[in-house]
Amino acid sequence: MSDPDREPTEKPTNTKTEAKQEDQRIIRNWVGIAVVSILALWLLVIALMQATGVMDVFGPIADTQTQQWAVFAVLVLVVVALAGWSWRSIVG
């Protein structure tokens, strides 16, 4: 039998204040997951529109196709950083 099996990792809440704080933490974590998921889906839609040539999404701020994909790559890095920050708050 390993140590985690002997003692639960999460202790039950004893007071209403602890329960309320835990509920708020859980809600905040799920909102973070939802925001990252929505942004990732939004980036997927932009990538598909850009790749198929339906429209030049970043045309007003970037002249060439390479510049437009570079702007897209920056947005992807921002979403990945946001996902990492969101995941760190859930795990830690």
Protein backbone atom coordinates (compact mmCIF):
# COMPACT_ATOMS: atom_id res chain seq x y z
CA MET A 1 0.00 0.00 0.00
CA SER A 2 1.47 3.36 -0.98
CA ASP A 3 1.35 6.55 1.07
CA PRO A 4 -1.42 8.24 -0.97
CA ASP A 5 -3.67 5.27 -0.28
CA ARG A 6 -3.29 5.64 3.46
CA GLU A 7 -4.26 9.30 3.68
CA PRO A 8 -6.44 11.26 1.25
CA THR A 9 -4.71 14.10 -0.60
CA GLU A 10 -7.63 16.48 -0.14
CA LYS A 11 -9.04 17.07 3.29
CA PRO A 12 -12.78 17.64 3.72
CA THR A 13 -13.82 21.20 4.49
CA ASN A 14 -14.86 21.90 8.03
CA THR A 15 -16.34 25.38 7.82
CA LYS A 16 -18.61 27.27 5.48
CA THR A 17 -15.80 29.74 4.76
CA GLU A 18 -13.48 26.95 3.62
CA ALA A 19 -16.23 25.45 1.49
CA LYS A 20 -16.97 28.82 -0.11
CA GLN A 21 -13.28 29.42 -0.85
CA GLU A 22 -12.95 25.96 -2.37
CA ASP A 23 -16.05 26.52 -4.52
CA GLN A 24 -14.66 29.84 -5.77
CA ARG A 25 -11.32 28.21 -6.60
CA ILE A 26 -13.04 25.44 -8.54
CA ILE A 27 -15.21 27.92 -10.45
CA ARG A 28 -12.16 30.06 -11.27
CA ASN A 29 -10.32 27.00 -12.58
CA TRP A 30 -13.22 25.94 -14.81
CA VAL A 31 -13.61 29.47 -16.16
CA GLY A 32 -9.91 29.45 -17.02
CA ILE A 33 -10.28 26.15 -18.86
CA ALA A 34 -13.32 27.48 -20.73
CA VAL A 35 -11.54 30.68 -21.80
CA VAL A 36 -8.50 28.79 -23.07
CA SER A 37 -10.72 26.32 -24.93
CA ILE A 38 -12.70 29.09 -26.60
CA LEU A 39 -9.53 30.95 -27.62
CA ALA A 40 -7.98 27.75 -29.00
CA LEU A 41 -11.09 27.05 -31.05
CA TRP A 42 -11.12 30.63 -32.28
CA LEU A 43 -7.48 30.28 -33.40
CA LEU A 44 -8.35 27.06 -35.21
CA VAL A 45 -11.08 28.86 -37.14
CA ILE A 46 -8.68 31.68 -38.02
CA ALA A 47 -6.04 29.18 -39.17
CA LEU A 48 -8.54 27.36 -41.39
CA MET A 49 -9.79 30.60 -42.95
CA GLN A 50 -6.22 31.76 -43.50
CA ALA A 51 -5.01 28.43 -44.94
CA THR A 52 -7.90 28.00 -47.35
CA GLY A 53 -7.70 31.59 -48.54
CA VAL A 54 -11.28 32.39 -47.58
CA MET A 55 -10.00 35.64 -46.19
CA ASP A 56 -6.82 37.34 -45.09
CA VAL A 57 -7.58 37.73 -41.43
CA PHE A 58 -4.47 39.75 -40.64
CA GLY A 59 -4.39 41.60 -43.97
CA PRO A 60 -4.80 45.06 -42.43
CA ILE A 61 -1.73 44.66 -40.18
CA ALA A 62 0.51 42.36 -42.27
CA ASP A 63 1.23 42.66 -45.98
CA THR A 64 2.65 39.27 -46.95
CA GLN A 65 1.42 35.77 -46.23
CA THR A 66 4.53 35.11 -44.14
CA GLN A 67 3.85 38.14 -41.96
CA GLN A 68 0.25 37.05 -41.50
CA TRP A 69 1.33 33.58 -40.37
CA ALA A 70 3.88 35.19 -38.04
CA VAL A 71 1.10 37.22 -36.41
CA PHE A 72 -0.91 34.00 -36.10
CA ALA A 73 2.08 32.25 -34.49
CA VAL A 74 2.34 35.04 -31.92
CA LEU A 75 -1.35 34.58 -31.08
CA VAL A 76 -0.80 30.84 -30.69
CA LEU A 77 2.07 31.51 -28.28
CA VAL A 78 -0.15 33.83 -26.26
CA VAL A 79 -2.86 31.15 -26.01
CA VAL A 80 -0.29 28.51 -25.05
CA ALA A 81 1.10 30.80 -22.35
CA LEU A 82 -2.42 31.46 -21.08
CA ALA A 83 -3.12 27.72 -21.06
CA GLY A 84 0.08 27.08 -19.11
CA TRP A 85 -0.83 29.76 -16.58
CA SER A 86 -4.33 28.32 -16.28
CA TRP A 87 -3.01 24.79 -15.85
CA ARG A 88 -0.50 25.93 -13.21
CA SER A 89 -3.30 27.45 -11.16
CA ILE A 90 -5.25 24.20 -11.36
CA VAL A 91 -2.38 21.88 -10.46
CA GLY A 92 -0.63 24.13 -7.95
